[in-house]
Amino acid sequence: MRARRMAAALGLLSLAACTSPPPKNRPPDTGRPPPAAAPAAADASFDWHPLVAAPFGTLLKDSPIRLHEVLLFHEEPHAPAENESKDCYAVDGTPPTFAGSPPDEYLLCFEHDRLDRIDVAVRIPAEDAARVFGRACAQWSGNAKPMPGADDACEGRDGDIAFSARLAAVPGEPTAELLMTLSDAAKTDAAKTDAAKTDVQPVPPRDPGAPPLAAP
């Protein structure tokens, strides 16, 4: 009788050993593969949304930040007439950070006293500018409709805001300039449509007295 009890006890101990929980430092086996590593977060310093200080169309007198007017000198002798009708202002104080530092230029341009465009210029190291700009463009286009362009240009729209960026070399300096323009997407689309219509050259009427055209 005693031998039977010893055998039963040994059997229970063996069963408990087989079903003991895993060590504390070892995750339980669920039969599923481990989750994939999360992708690297986007560089928040290139997020242009904080640059939009007020909705486009906001009246100058209703600007949420204090501004002072600046005079712009156009290098091109025949600057577009639309630029002549805009008044641009800089902020009183430090502008919003972009690409990791306060931009060299941050202008809010108004047309008929309503916010029409935001222009930003910031410098980045020239040796790494192309790679940085490419990554930034991919980030901007992630939530937007990308438009085809050159390697040093990036355009698209995100919601009701159109963005246009380009990379320009700074002669004699080890830096490149990242230029960003933000505007009302609906107005930008309308302007491009009007420009396309203007570029279409009408076919002049044929002189009735001219000889008939030869068949191709």
C-alpha atoms as a PDB file:
ATOM      1  CA  MET A   1       0.000   0.000   0.000  1.00  0.00           C
ATOM      2  CA  ARG A   2       2.822   2.355   0.897  1.00  0.00           C
ATOM      3  CA  ALA A   3       4.579   1.580  -2.390  1.00  0.00           C
ATOM      4  CA  ARG A   4       1.462   2.511  -4.357  1.00  0.00           C
ATOM      5  CA  ARG A   5       1.235   5.873  -2.583  1.00  0.00           C
ATOM      6  CA  MET A   6       4.888   6.643  -3.361  1.00  0.00           C
ATOM      7  CA  ALA A   7       4.363   5.804  -7.043  1.00  0.00           C
ATOM      8  CA  ALA A   8       1.296   8.067  -7.231  1.00  0.00           C
ATOM      9  CA  ALA A   9       3.205  10.969  -5.637  1.00  0.00           C
ATOM     10  CA  LEU A  10       6.105  10.552  -8.072  1.00  0.00           C
ATOM     11  CA  GLY A  11       3.621  10.575 -10.976  1.00  0.00           C
ATOM     12  CA  LEU A  12       2.057  13.855  -9.803  1.00  0.00           C
ATOM     13  CA  LEU A  13       5.484  15.475  -9.454  1.00  0.00           C
ATOM     14  CA  SER A  14       6.426  14.428 -13.002  1.00  0.00           C
ATOM     15  CA  LEU A  15       3.167  15.858 -14.382  1.00  0.00           C
ATOM     16  CA  ALA A  16       3.678  19.176 -12.566  1.00  0.00           C
ATOM     17  CA  ALA A  17       7.196  19.448 -13.973  1.00  0.00           C
ATOM     18  CA  CYS A  18       5.896  18.963 -17.515  1.00  0.00           C
ATOM     19  CA  THR A  19       3.234  21.695 -17.158  1.00  0.00           C
ATOM     20  CA  SER A  20       5.235  24.280 -15.204  1.00  0.00           C
ATOM     21  CA  PRO A  21       5.000  27.876 -16.526  1.00  0.00           C
ATOM     22  CA  PRO A  22       7.867  29.312 -18.582  1.00  0.00           C
ATOM     23  CA  PRO A  23      10.535  31.397 -16.867  1.00  0.00           C
ATOM     24  CA  LYS A  24       9.600  34.998 -16.053  1.00  0.00           C
ATOM     25  CA  ASN A  25      12.013  36.419 -18.627  1.00  0.00           C
ATOM     26  CA  ARG A  26      10.650  34.275 -21.453  1.00  0.00           C
ATOM     27  CA  PRO A  27       7.454  35.372 -23.243  1.00  0.00           C
ATOM     28  CA  PRO A  28       4.699  32.779 -23.478  1.00  0.00           C
ATOM     29  CA  ASP A  29       4.539  30.789 -26.688  1.00  0.00           C
ATOM     30  CA  THR A  30       1.356  31.846 -28.501  1.00  0.00           C
ATOM     31  CA  GLY A  31       2.084  29.967 -31.705  1.00  0.00           C
ATOM     32  CA  ARG A  32       2.168  33.282 -33.644  1.00  0.00           C
ATOM     33  CA  PRO A  33       5.294  34.955 -35.051  1.00  0.00           C
ATOM     34  CA  PRO A  34       6.564  37.998 -33.124  1.00  0.00           C
ATOM     35  CA  PRO A  35       5.242  41.377 -34.338  1.00  0.00           C
ATOM     36  CA  ALA A  36       7.366  43.241 -36.855  1.00  0.00           C
ATOM     37  CA  ALA A  37       9.350  46.219 -35.669  1.00  0.00           C
ATOM     38  CA  ALA A  38       7.536  49.538 -36.020  1.00  0.00           C
ATOM     39  CA  PRO A  39       8.796  51.717 -38.908  1.00  0.00           C
ATOM     40  CA  ALA A  40      10.974  54.678 -38.081  1.00  0.00           C
ATOM     41  CA  ALA A  41       9.002  57.805 -37.294  1.00  0.00           C
ATOM     42  CA  ALA A  42       8.990  60.622 -39.840  1.00  0.00           C
ATOM     43  CA  ASP A  43      11.223  63.610 -39.174  1.00  0.00           C
ATOM     44  CA  ALA A  44       8.850  66.020 -37.440  1.00  0.00           C
ATOM     45  CA  SER A  45      11.151  68.972 -38.127  1.00  0.00           C
ATOM     46  CA  PHE A  46      10.117  68.902 -41.803  1.00  0.00           C
ATOM     47  CA  ASP A  47       6.396  69.068 -41.051  1.00  0.00           C
ATOM     48  CA  TRP A  48       5.231  72.276 -42.767  1.00  0.00           C
ATOM     49  CA  HIS A  49       1.793  72.398 -41.126  1.00  0.00           C
ATOM     50  CA  PRO A  50       2.984  74.569 -38.171  1.00  0.00           C
ATOM     51  CA  LEU A  51       4.094  77.149 -40.756  1.00  0.00           C
ATOM     52  CA  VAL A  52       0.452  77.891 -41.588  1.00  0.00           C
ATOM     53  CA  ALA A  53      -0.119  80.535 -38.932  1.00  0.00           C
ATOM     54  CA  ALA A  54      -3.697  81.206 -40.066  1.00  0.00           C
ATOM     55  CA  PRO A  55      -6.122  79.777 -42.637  1.00  0.00           C
ATOM     56  CA  PHE A  56      -5.702  81.116 -46.147  1.00  0.00           C
ATOM     57  CA  GLY A  57      -8.151  83.925 -46.771  1.00  0.00           C
ATOM     58  CA  THR A  58      -7.734  85.347 -43.253  1.00  0.00           C
ATOM     59  CA  LEU A  59      -7.954  89.138 -43.175  1.00  0.00           C
ATOM     60  CA  LEU A  60      -4.745  90.967 -42.327  1.00  0.00           C
ATOM     61  CA  LYS A  61      -6.420  92.741 -39.409  1.00  0.00           C
ATOM     62  CA  ASP A  62      -7.450  89.340 -37.991  1.00  0.00           C
ATOM     63  CA  SER A  63      -3.935  87.842 -38.049  1.00  0.00           C
ATOM     64  CA  PRO A  64      -3.298  85.855 -34.845  1.00  0.00           C
ATOM     65  CA  ILE A  65       0.369  86.951 -34.820  1.00  0.00           C
ATOM     66  CA  ARG A  66       1.928  90.402 -35.004  1.00  0.00           C
ATOM     67  CA  LEU A  67       3.409  91.275 -38.398  1.00  0.00           C
ATOM     68  CA  HIS A  68       5.407  94.038 -40.031  1.00  0.00           C
ATOM     69  CA  GLU A  69       5.485  94.759 -43.754  1.00  0.00           C
ATOM     70  CA  VAL A  70       8.621  94.060 -45.773  1.00  0.00           C
ATOM     71  CA  LEU A  71       9.655  95.312 -49.184  1.00  0.00           C
ATOM     72  CA  LEU A  72      10.446  92.686 -51.806  1.00  0.00           C
ATOM     73  CA  PHE A  73      12.781  93.300 -54.720  1.00  0.00           C
ATOM     74  CA  HIS A  74      12.223  91.056 -57.720  1.00  0.00           C
ATOM     75  CA  GLU A  75      15.407  89.993 -59.490  1.00  0.00           C
ATOM     76  CA  GLU A  76      13.498  89.236 -62.676  1.00  0.00           C
ATOM     77  CA  PRO A  77      12.814  92.368 -64.769  1.00  0.00           C
ATOM     78  CA  HIS A  78       9.418  91.018 -65.812  1.00  0.00           C
ATOM     79  CA  ALA A  79       8.004  89.634 -62.591  1.00  0.00           C
ATOM     80  CA  PRO A  80       4.457  88.277 -62.732  1.00  0.00           C
ATOM     81  CA  ALA A  81       1.814  90.937 -62.214  1.00  0.00           C
ATOM     82  CA  GLU A  82       0.238  88.856 -59.454  1.00  0.00           C
ATOM     83  CA  ASN A  83       3.361  89.313 -57.325  1.00  0.00           C
ATOM     84  CA  GLU A  84       3.081  93.086 -57.622  1.00  0.00           C
ATOM     85  CA  SER A  85      -0.419  93.003 -56.110  1.00  0.00           C
ATOM     86  CA  LYS A  86       0.665  91.151 -52.953  1.00  0.00           C
ATOM     87  CA  ASP A  87       1.893  92.720 -49.726  1.00  0.00           C
ATOM     88  CA  CYS A  88       4.211  90.495 -47.688  1.00  0.00           C
ATOM     89  CA  TYR A  89       4.836  90.610 -43.970  1.00  0.00           C
ATOM     90  CA  ALA A  90       7.362  89.099 -41.563  1.00  0.00           C
ATOM     91  CA  VAL A  91       6.561  88.137 -37.994  1.00  0.00           C
ATOM     92  CA  ASP A  92       7.520  90.209 -34.973  1.00  0.00           C
ATOM     93  CA  GLY A  93       9.738  87.756 -33.143  1.00  0.00           C
ATOM     94  CA  THR A  94      10.991  84.261 -33.922  1.00  0.00           C
ATOM     95  CA  PRO A  95       9.222  82.443 -36.773  1.00  0.00           C
ATOM     96  CA  PRO A  96       8.119  78.804 -36.485  1.00  0.00           C
ATOM     97  CA  THR A  97      10.963  76.284 -36.641  1.00  0.00           C
ATOM     98  CA  PHE A  98      11.378  74.405 -39.921  1.00  0.00           C
ATOM     99  CA  ALA A  99      13.966  71.749 -40.817  1.00  0.00           C
ATOM    100  CA  GLY A 100      15.392  72.004 -37.306  1.00  0.00           C
ATOM    101  CA  SER A 101      16.004  75.761 -37.144  1.00  0.00           C
ATOM    102  CA  PRO A 102      14.247  79.125 -37.522  1.00  0.00           C
ATOM    103  CA  PRO A 103      14.004  79.860 -41.275  1.00  0.00           C
ATOM    104  CA  ASP A 104      16.043  82.633 -42.885  1.00  0.00           C
ATOM    105  CA  GLU A 105      12.832  83.859 -44.485  1.00  0.00           C
ATOM    106  CA  TYR A 106       9.242  83.457 -43.346  1.00  0.00           C
ATOM    107  CA  LEU A 107       6.779  85.680 -45.168  1.00  0.00           C
ATOM    108  CA  LEU A 108       2.994  85.839 -45.076  1.00  0.00           C
ATOM    109  CA  CYS A 109       1.749  87.442 -48.285  1.00  0.00           C
ATOM    110  CA  PHE A 110      -1.678  89.030 -48.542  1.00  0.00           C
ATOM    111  CA  GLU A 111      -3.712  89.877 -51.623  1.00  0.00           C
ATOM    112  CA  HIS A 112      -6.490  92.411 -51.110  1.00  0.00           C
ATOM    113  CA  ASP A 113      -5.740  92.141 -47.366  1.00  0.00           C
ATOM    114  CA  ARG A 114      -6.366  88.378 -47.300  1.00  0.00           C
ATOM    115  CA  LEU A 115      -3.690  85.742 -46.641  1.00  0.00           C
ATOM    116  CA  ASP A 116      -2.795  84.290 -50.024  1.00  0.00           C
ATOM    117  CA  ARG A 117       0.633  82.650 -49.743  1.00  0.00           C
ATOM    118  CA  ILE A 118       3.346  81.699 -47.251  1.00  0.00           C
ATOM    119  CA  ASP A 119       6.990  81.668 -48.366  1.00  0.00           C
ATOM    120  CA  VAL A 120       9.721  79.972 -46.332  1.00  0.00           C
ATOM    121  CA  ALA A 121      13.470  79.642 -46.913  1.00  0.00           C
ATOM    122  CA  VAL A 122      15.845  77.612 -44.742  1.00  0.00           C
ATOM    123  CA  ARG A 123      19.420  76.461 -45.278  1.00  0.00           C
ATOM    124  CA  ILE A 124      20.685  72.895 -44.951  1.00  0.00           C
ATOM    125  CA  PRO A 125      24.195  71.418 -45.491  1.00  0.00           C
ATOM    126  CA  ALA A 126      24.903  71.118 -49.207  1.00  0.00           C
ATOM    127  CA  GLU A 127      26.708  67.764 -48.978  1.00  0.00           C
ATOM    128  CA  ASP A 128      23.567  66.048 -47.681  1.00  0.00           C
ATOM    129  CA  ALA A 129      20.948  68.331 -49.215  1.00  0.00           C
ATOM    130  CA  ALA A 130      19.780  66.034 -52.029  1.00  0.00           C
ATOM    131  CA  ARG A 131      19.209  63.058 -49.719  1.00  0.00           C
ATOM    132  CA  VAL A 132      17.502  65.175 -47.050  1.00  0.00           C
ATOM    133  CA  PHE A 133      15.278  66.847 -49.625  1.00  0.00           C
ATOM    134  CA  GLY A 134      14.319  63.486 -51.127  1.00  0.00           C
ATOM    135  CA  ARG A 135      13.290  62.105 -47.726  1.00  0.00           C
ATOM    136  CA  ALA A 136      11.393  65.293 -46.902  1.00  0.00           C
ATOM    137  CA  CYS A 137       9.527  65.159 -50.229  1.00  0.00           C
ATOM    138  CA  ALA A 138       8.546  61.550 -49.577  1.00  0.00           C
ATOM    139  CA  GLN A 139       7.256  62.579 -46.156  1.00  0.00           C
ATOM    140  CA  TRP A 140       5.228  65.487 -47.591  1.00  0.00           C
ATOM    141  CA  SER A 141       3.790  63.302 -50.315  1.00  0.00           C
ATOM    142  CA  GLY A 142       2.736  60.587 -47.864  1.00  0.00           C
ATOM    143  CA  ASN A 143      -0.556  62.322 -47.055  1.00  0.00           C
ATOM    144  CA  ALA A 144      -0.825  64.282 -50.268  1.00  0.00           C
ATOM    145  CA  LYS A 145      -1.329  63.916 -53.987  1.00  0.00           C
ATOM    146  CA  PRO A 146       2.224  64.089 -55.389  1.00  0.00           C
ATOM    147  CA  MET A 147       2.848  65.848 -58.679  1.00  0.00           C
ATOM    148  CA  PRO A 148       5.640  64.936 -61.108  1.00  0.00           C
ATOM    149  CA  GLY A 149       8.693  67.163 -60.984  1.00  0.00           C
ATOM    150  CA  ALA A 150      12.460  67.322 -61.085  1.00  0.00           C
ATOM    151  CA  ASP A 151      14.725  65.827 -58.434  1.00  0.00           C
ATOM    152  CA  ASP A 152      15.201  69.267 -56.890  1.00  0.00           C
ATOM    153  CA  ALA A 153      11.471  70.109 -56.836  1.00  0.00           C
ATOM    154  CA  CYS A 154       8.488  68.698 -54.988  1.00  0.00           C
ATOM    155  CA  GLU A 155       4.851  69.696 -55.417  1.00  0.00           C
ATOM    156  CA  GLY A 156       1.539  68.383 -54.169  1.00  0.00           C
ATOM    157  CA  ARG A 157      -1.484  69.137 -52.065  1.00  0.00           C
ATOM    158  CA  ASP A 158      -2.566  68.052 -48.628  1.00  0.00           C
ATOM    159  CA  GLY A 159      -6.235  68.697 -48.012  1.00  0.00           C
ATOM    160  CA  ASP A 160      -7.002  72.290 -48.988  1.00  0.00           C
ATOM    161  CA  ILE A 161      -3.339  73.402 -48.933  1.00  0.00           C
ATOM    162  CA  ALA A 162      -0.964  73.216 -51.899  1.00  0.00           C
ATOM    163  CA  PHE A 163       2.782  72.969 -51.291  1.00  0.00           C
ATOM    164  CA  SER A 164       5.643  73.634 -53.666  1.00  0.00           C
ATOM    165  CA  ALA A 165       9.260  73.128 -52.616  1.00  0.00           C
ATOM    166  CA  ARG A 166      12.570  73.268 -54.397  1.00  0.00           C
ATOM    167  CA  LEU A 167      16.235  73.001 -53.592  1.00  0.00           C
ATOM    168  CA  ALA A 168      18.612  75.742 -54.695  1.00  0.00           C
ATOM    169  CA  ALA A 169      22.398  75.916 -54.382  1.00  0.00           C
ATOM    170  CA  VAL A 170      23.972  78.889 -52.593  1.00  0.00           C
ATOM    171  CA  PRO A 171      27.030  80.006 -54.631  1.00  0.00           C
ATOM    172  CA  GLY A 172      30.240  80.119 -52.642  1.00  0.00           C
ATOM    173  CA  GLU A 173      28.732  78.544 -49.506  1.00  0.00           C
ATOM    174  CA  PRO A 174      28.593  74.941 -48.231  1.00  0.00           C
ATOM    175  CA  THR A 175      24.820  75.159 -47.864  1.00  0.00           C
ATOM    176  CA  ALA A 176      21.750  74.721 -50.012  1.00  0.00           C
ATOM    177  CA  GLU A 177      18.492  76.621 -49.680  1.00  0.00           C
ATOM    178  CA  LEU A 178      15.207  74.811 -49.212  1.00  0.00           C
ATOM    179  CA  LEU A 179      12.413  77.024 -50.528  1.00  0.00           C
ATOM    180  CA  MET A 180       8.817  76.210 -49.595  1.00  0.00           C
ATOM    181  CA  THR A 181       5.635  77.920 -50.756  1.00  0.00           C
ATOM    182  CA  LEU A 182       2.219  77.158 -49.247  1.00  0.00           C
ATOM    183  CA  SER A 183      -1.044  78.382 -50.720  1.00  0.00           C
ATOM    184  CA  ASP A 184      -4.760  77.723 -51.096  1.00  0.00           C
ATOM    185  CA  ALA A 185      -5.030  74.553 -53.218  1.00  0.00           C
ATOM    186  CA  ALA A 186      -8.289  75.568 -54.923  1.00  0.00           C
ATOM    187  CA  LYS A 187      -6.880  78.938 -55.957  1.00  0.00           C
ATOM    188  CA  THR A 188      -3.620  77.363 -57.116  1.00  0.00           C
ATOM    189  CA  ASP A 189      -5.487  74.856 -59.297  1.00  0.00           C
ATOM    190  CA  ALA A 190      -7.555  77.651 -60.820  1.00  0.00           C
ATOM    191  CA  ALA A 191      -4.430  79.689 -61.584  1.00  0.00           C
ATOM    192  CA  LYS A 192      -2.771  76.710 -63.303  1.00  0.00           C
ATOM    193  CA  THR A 193      -5.895  76.111 -65.373  1.00  0.00           C
ATOM    194  CA  ASP A 194      -5.959  79.750 -66.493  1.00  0.00           C
ATOM    195  CA  ALA A 195      -2.241  79.612 -67.336  1.00  0.00           C
ATOM    196  CA  ALA A 196      -2.768  76.470 -69.435  1.00  0.00           C
ATOM    197  CA  LYS A 197      -5.547  78.180 -71.370  1.00  0.00           C
ATOM    198  CA  THR A 198      -3.314  81.187 -72.000  1.00  0.00           C
ATOM    199  CA  ASP A 199      -0.512  78.985 -73.342  1.00  0.00           C
ATOM    200  CA  VAL A 200      -2.789  77.509 -76.043  1.00  0.00           C
ATOM    201  CA  GLN A 201      -2.071  79.427 -79.227  1.00  0.00           C
ATOM    202  CA  PRO A 202      -5.114  79.883 -81.491  1.00  0.00           C
ATOM    203  CA  VAL A 203      -4.759  78.691 -85.073  1.00  0.00           C
ATOM    204  CA  PRO A 204      -4.850  81.728 -87.379  1.00  0.00           C
ATOM    205  CA  PRO A 205      -7.588  81.698 -90.030  1.00  0.00           C
ATOM    206  CA  ARG A 206      -6.496  80.452 -93.445  1.00  0.00           C
ATOM    207  CA  ASP A 207      -6.285  82.913 -96.279  1.00  0.00           C
ATOM    208  CA  PRO A 208      -9.074  82.028 -98.746  1.00  0.00           C
ATOM    209  CA  GLY A 209      -6.790  82.951-101.634  1.00  0.00           C
ATOM    210  CA  ALA A 210      -3.987  80.655-100.562  1.00  0.00           C
ATOM    211  CA  PRO A 211      -3.368  77.454-102.549  1.00  0.00           C
ATOM    212  CA  PRO A 212      -4.886  74.280-101.115  1.00  0.00           C
ATOM    213  CA  LEU A 213      -2.769  72.310 -98.710  1.00  0.00           C
ATOM    214  CA  ALA A 214      -1.076  69.242-100.140  1.00  0.00           C
ATOM    215  CA  ALA A 215      -2.298  65.903 -98.866  1.00  0.00           C
ATOM    216  CA  PRO A 216       0.132  64.265 -96.395  1.00  0.00           C
END
